[in-house]
N, C-alpha and C. Protein backbone atom coordinates (compact mmCIF):
# COMPACT_ATOMS: atom_id res chain seq x y z
N UNK A 1 65.46 100.36 11.92
CA UNK A 1 65.66 101.27 11.12
C UNK A 1 64.18 101.61 9.76
N UNK A 2 63.38 100.76 9.39
CA UNK A 2 62.62 101.57 8.72
C UNK A 2 60.99 100.82 9.30
N UNK A 3 61.18 100.66 10.68
CA UNK A 3 60.07 100.96 11.17
C UNK A 3 60.10 102.53 11.87
N UNK A 4 60.97 103.52 12.75
CA UNK A 4 61.13 104.94 12.52
C UNK A 4 60.60 105.80 11.36
N UNK A 5 61.29 105.37 10.06
CA UNK A 5 60.91 105.97 8.65
C UNK A 5 59.80 105.76 8.39
N UNK A 6 59.06 104.63 8.74
CA UNK A 6 57.34 104.83 8.14
C UNK A 6 56.49 105.50 9.44
N UNK A 7 57.59 105.71 10.91
CA UNK A 7 56.37 106.37 12.00
C UNK A 7 56.52 107.61 11.91
N UNK A 8 57.70 108.67 11.37
CA UNK A 8 57.73 109.46 11.14
C UNK A 8 57.11 109.78 9.54
N UNK A 9 56.99 109.74 9.34
CA UNK A 9 56.22 109.78 8.04
C UNK A 9 54.98 110.14 8.28
N UNK A 10 54.36 108.42 8.35
CA UNK A 10 52.94 109.08 9.73
C UNK A 10 52.81 110.12 10.46
N UNK A 11 53.44 110.07 11.10
CA UNK A 11 53.12 111.71 12.51
C UNK A 11 53.56 112.31 11.20
N UNK A 12 54.50 112.67 10.14
CA UNK A 12 54.32 114.18 9.98
C UNK A 12 53.01 114.09 8.68
N UNK A 13 52.91 112.81 8.31
CA UNK A 13 51.80 112.92 7.66
C UNK A 13 49.74 113.49 8.53
N UNK A 14 50.23 113.21 9.09
CA UNK A 14 48.57 113.88 10.70
C UNK A 14 49.21 115.15 10.96
N UNK A 15 50.62 115.52 10.53
CA UNK A 15 50.16 116.66 11.08
C UNK A 15 49.95 117.54 10.32
N UNK A 16 50.28 117.31 8.80
CA UNK A 16 49.77 118.74 8.23
C UNK A 16 49.08 118.49 7.58
N UNK A 17 47.66 118.00 7.97
CA UNK A 17 46.63 118.90 8.41
C UNK A 17 46.26 120.30 9.10
N UNK A 18 46.59 119.70 10.46
CA UNK A 18 46.47 120.81 11.17
C UNK A 18 47.24 121.62 10.90
N UNK A 19 48.32 121.84 10.90
CA UNK A 19 48.88 123.25 10.79
C UNK A 19 48.37 123.60 10.03
N UNK A 20 47.96 122.53 8.55
CA UNK A 20 47.89 124.19 7.27
C UNK A 20 46.51 124.85 7.60
N UNK A 21 45.87 124.00 9.02
CA UNK A 21 44.70 124.44 8.73
C UNK A 21 44.42 126.00 10.33
N UNK A 22 45.03 125.62 10.47
CA UNK A 22 45.43 126.39 12.16
C UNK A 22 45.23 128.04 11.78
N UNK A 23 44.24 128.47 12.05
CA UNK A 23 43.67 130.10 11.42
C UNK A 23 44.50 130.66 11.60
N UNK A 24 44.99 132.43 11.67
CA UNK A 24 45.67 133.25 11.35
C UNK A 24 45.27 134.27 11.97
N UNK A 25 46.43 135.10 12.22
CA UNK A 25 44.74 136.49 12.45
C UNK A 25 44.80 137.54 11.52
N UNK A 26 45.00 137.37 10.60
CA UNK A 26 44.91 137.81 8.80
C UNK A 26 43.91 136.87 9.19
N UNK A 27 43.07 136.25 9.11
CA UNK A 27 41.63 135.67 7.81
C UNK A 27 40.25 135.74 9.04
N UNK A 28 41.22 136.10 10.55
CA UNK A 28 40.00 136.15 10.56
C UNK A 28 38.62 137.09 9.92
N UNK A 29 38.20 138.24 10.08
CA UNK A 29 37.36 138.93 8.81
C UNK A 29 36.85 138.15 8.17
N UNK A 30 37.79 137.60 6.67
CA UNK A 30 37.48 137.01 5.73
C UNK A 30 36.56 136.23 5.86
N UNK A 31 36.61 135.34 6.89
CA UNK A 31 36.61 134.04 8.34
C UNK A 31 34.89 134.20 8.73
N UNK A 32 34.84 134.84 9.06
CA UNK A 32 33.52 136.06 9.14
C UNK A 32 32.46 135.25 8.21
N UNK A 33 33.12 136.31 6.68
CA UNK A 33 32.88 137.06 5.90
C UNK A 33 32.08 135.98 4.90
N UNK A 34 32.88 135.21 5.12
CA UNK A 34 32.75 133.72 3.64
C UNK A 34 31.60 132.57 4.47
N UNK A 35 31.54 133.15 5.74
CA UNK A 35 30.36 132.35 6.10
C UNK A 35 28.60 132.85 6.26
N UNK A 36 28.75 133.72 5.58
CA UNK A 36 27.20 134.62 5.14
C UNK A 36 25.78 132.92 4.04
N UNK A 37 24.94 133.05 4.93
CA UNK A 37 24.44 132.13 4.82
C UNK A 37 24.10 131.86 3.17
N UNK A 38 23.68 133.33 2.67
CA UNK A 38 23.07 133.19 1.71
C UNK A 38 23.73 133.47 0.74
N UNK A 39 25.00 134.65 0.86
CA UNK A 39 26.30 134.29 -0.26
C UNK A 39 26.23 133.00 -1.02
N UNK A 40 25.81 133.67 -3.08
CA UNK A 40 26.28 132.44 -3.55
C UNK A 40 26.51 131.90 -4.13
N UNK A 41 27.35 130.01 -4.29
CA UNK A 41 28.09 129.79 -4.37
C UNK A 41 27.77 129.26 -5.92
N UNK A 42 28.65 129.01 -7.00
CA UNK A 42 28.89 127.89 -7.80
C UNK A 42 29.09 127.02 -8.18
N UNK A 43 28.96 126.00 -8.56
CA UNK A 43 29.39 124.94 -8.97
C UNK A 43 29.97 123.71 -9.96
N UNK A 44 30.69 124.14 -10.42
CA UNK A 44 30.68 122.47 -11.89
C UNK A 44 30.12 121.24 -10.96
N UNK A 45 29.51 120.62 -11.89
CA UNK A 45 28.80 119.74 -11.25
C UNK A 45 29.03 118.54 -12.93
N UNK A 46 29.69 116.91 -13.22
CA UNK A 46 30.55 116.87 -14.45
C UNK A 46 28.22 115.82 -14.73
N UNK A 47 28.29 115.37 -15.62
CA UNK A 47 27.08 114.87 -16.29
C UNK A 47 27.94 113.04 -16.20
N UNK A 48 27.06 112.66 -15.22
CA UNK A 48 27.27 111.87 -16.19
C UNK A 48 26.98 110.64 -17.24
N UNK A 49 27.62 109.85 -18.53
CA UNK A 49 26.71 110.38 -20.15
C UNK A 49 26.76 111.48 -20.66
N UNK A 50 26.88 111.83 -21.05
CA UNK A 50 26.27 113.15 -21.63
C UNK A 50 27.25 113.83 -22.13
N UNK A 51 27.58 114.30 -23.16
CA UNK A 51 29.01 114.88 -24.22
C UNK A 51 29.30 116.01 -23.73
N UNK A 52 27.91 116.57 -24.28
CA UNK A 52 28.25 118.07 -23.31
C UNK A 52 29.91 118.13 -21.96
N UNK A 53 29.23 117.70 -20.86
CA UNK A 53 30.52 117.23 -19.71
C UNK A 53 30.30 117.61 -18.93
N UNK A 54 29.58 119.21 -18.09
CA UNK A 54 29.05 119.60 -17.14
C UNK A 54 28.08 120.45 -17.05
N UNK A 55 27.57 120.84 -15.65
CA UNK A 55 26.53 122.38 -15.87
C UNK A 55 26.99 123.05 -14.88
N UNK A 56 26.55 123.45 -14.19
CA UNK A 56 27.00 124.79 -13.50
C UNK A 56 25.84 125.40 -12.91
N UNK A 57 25.88 125.16 -11.50
CA UNK A 57 24.81 124.86 -10.02
C UNK A 57 25.02 125.72 -9.43
N UNK A 58 24.01 126.80 -9.42
CA UNK A 58 24.50 127.41 -8.25
C UNK A 58 22.89 127.71 -6.70
N UNK A 59 23.36 127.97 -5.50
CA UNK A 59 22.46 128.13 -4.51
C UNK A 59 23.79 128.15 -4.09
N UNK A 60 22.55 128.40 -2.82
CA UNK A 60 23.30 129.50 -1.87
C UNK A 60 24.19 128.94 -0.57
N UNK A 61 24.95 128.87 0.12
CA UNK A 61 25.10 128.48 0.95
C UNK A 61 25.20 127.37 1.93
N UNK A 62 23.57 128.24 2.06
CA UNK A 62 22.68 127.00 3.44
C UNK A 62 22.15 126.39 2.41
N UNK A 63 21.98 126.43 1.17
CA UNK A 63 21.39 125.28 0.34
C UNK A 63 22.71 124.19 -0.09
N UNK A 64 23.09 124.78 -0.43
CA UNK A 64 24.62 123.17 -0.35
C UNK A 64 25.00 122.99 1.50
N UNK A 65 24.74 123.15 2.72
CA UNK A 65 24.57 122.74 3.12
C UNK A 65 23.36 121.47 3.72
N UNK A 66 22.31 121.95 3.29
CA UNK A 66 21.24 121.05 3.97
C UNK A 66 21.58 119.61 2.63
N UNK A 67 21.77 120.34 1.46
CA UNK A 67 21.81 119.19 0.79
C UNK A 67 23.15 118.27 1.05
N UNK A 68 24.03 118.59 1.51
CA UNK A 68 25.71 118.10 2.06
C UNK A 68 25.15 116.94 3.11
N UNK A 69 24.04 117.80 4.42
CA UNK A 69 23.51 116.86 5.22
C UNK A 69 22.03 116.07 4.59
N UNK A 70 21.41 116.39 3.96
CA UNK A 70 20.49 115.48 3.68
C UNK A 70 21.10 113.93 2.70
N UNK A 71 22.53 114.48 2.15
CA UNK A 71 23.19 113.27 1.97
C UNK A 71 23.07 112.57 2.72
N UNK A 72 24.27 113.05 3.70
CA UNK A 72 24.63 111.75 5.18
C UNK A 72 23.44 111.46 5.45
N UNK A 73 21.82 112.03 5.73
CA UNK A 73 22.32 111.10 6.09
C UNK A 73 21.29 109.83 5.74
N UNK A 74 21.36 110.13 4.43
CA UNK A 74 20.74 109.07 3.35
C UNK A 74 21.59 107.88 3.15
N UNK A 75 22.98 108.55 4.01
CA UNK A 75 23.38 107.37 3.82
C UNK A 75 23.53 106.48 4.74
N UNK A 76 23.56 106.47 6.47
CA UNK A 76 24.23 107.34 7.11
C UNK A 76 22.55 105.55 7.44
N UNK A 77 21.56 106.71 7.15
CA UNK A 77 19.98 105.48 7.27
C UNK A 77 19.91 103.80 5.81
N UNK A 78 20.85 104.93 5.29
CA UNK A 78 21.68 103.05 4.71
C UNK A 78 22.00 101.90 4.40
N UNK A 79 23.18 102.77 5.45
CA UNK A 79 24.03 101.52 6.53
C UNK A 79 23.41 101.41 7.49
N UNK A 80 22.42 101.49 8.26
CA UNK A 80 22.18 101.27 9.45
C UNK A 80 21.39 99.92 9.19
N UNK A 81 20.24 100.47 7.53
CA UNK A 81 19.29 98.76 7.24
C UNK A 81 19.78 98.36 6.67
N UNK A 82 21.24 97.51 6.65
CA UNK A 82 21.77 96.96 5.38
C UNK A 82 21.31 95.38 5.92
N UNK A 83 21.05 94.32 5.36
CA UNK A 83 21.29 93.17 6.12
C UNK A 83 19.95 93.31 7.17
N UNK A 84 18.61 93.70 6.75
CA UNK A 84 17.40 94.53 8.14
C UNK A 84 16.62 93.28 6.84
N UNK A 85 15.92 93.31 5.29
CA UNK A 85 16.04 92.06 4.86
C UNK A 85 16.01 90.91 5.16
N UNK A 86 16.46 90.57 5.53
CA UNK A 86 16.97 89.08 5.65
C UNK A 86 17.47 88.16 4.43
N UNK A 87 18.08 89.20 3.68
CA UNK A 87 18.60 88.82 2.47
C UNK A 87 18.28 88.00 0.83
N UNK A 88 17.26 88.50 1.33
CA UNK A 88 15.78 89.05 0.80
C UNK A 88 16.48 89.59 -0.80
């Protein structure tokens, strides 16, 4: 019985994101508009060690995407190079 409940919960949680992200007919124009690479997007970034809290950074959608891609590339590069120096 416990296995059945666990399986049902797992399936329900696995399906929730797919259902939540299903496109609807009413969001198509907004989706195309939201993909403008030159649109400015501002985010609040928390500064570690600062008593003043956070800072607002504004970049274009393309700049944010390039920054995310570069972060991914650096992480993958670091993961590939683990242990290459022979443990020094």
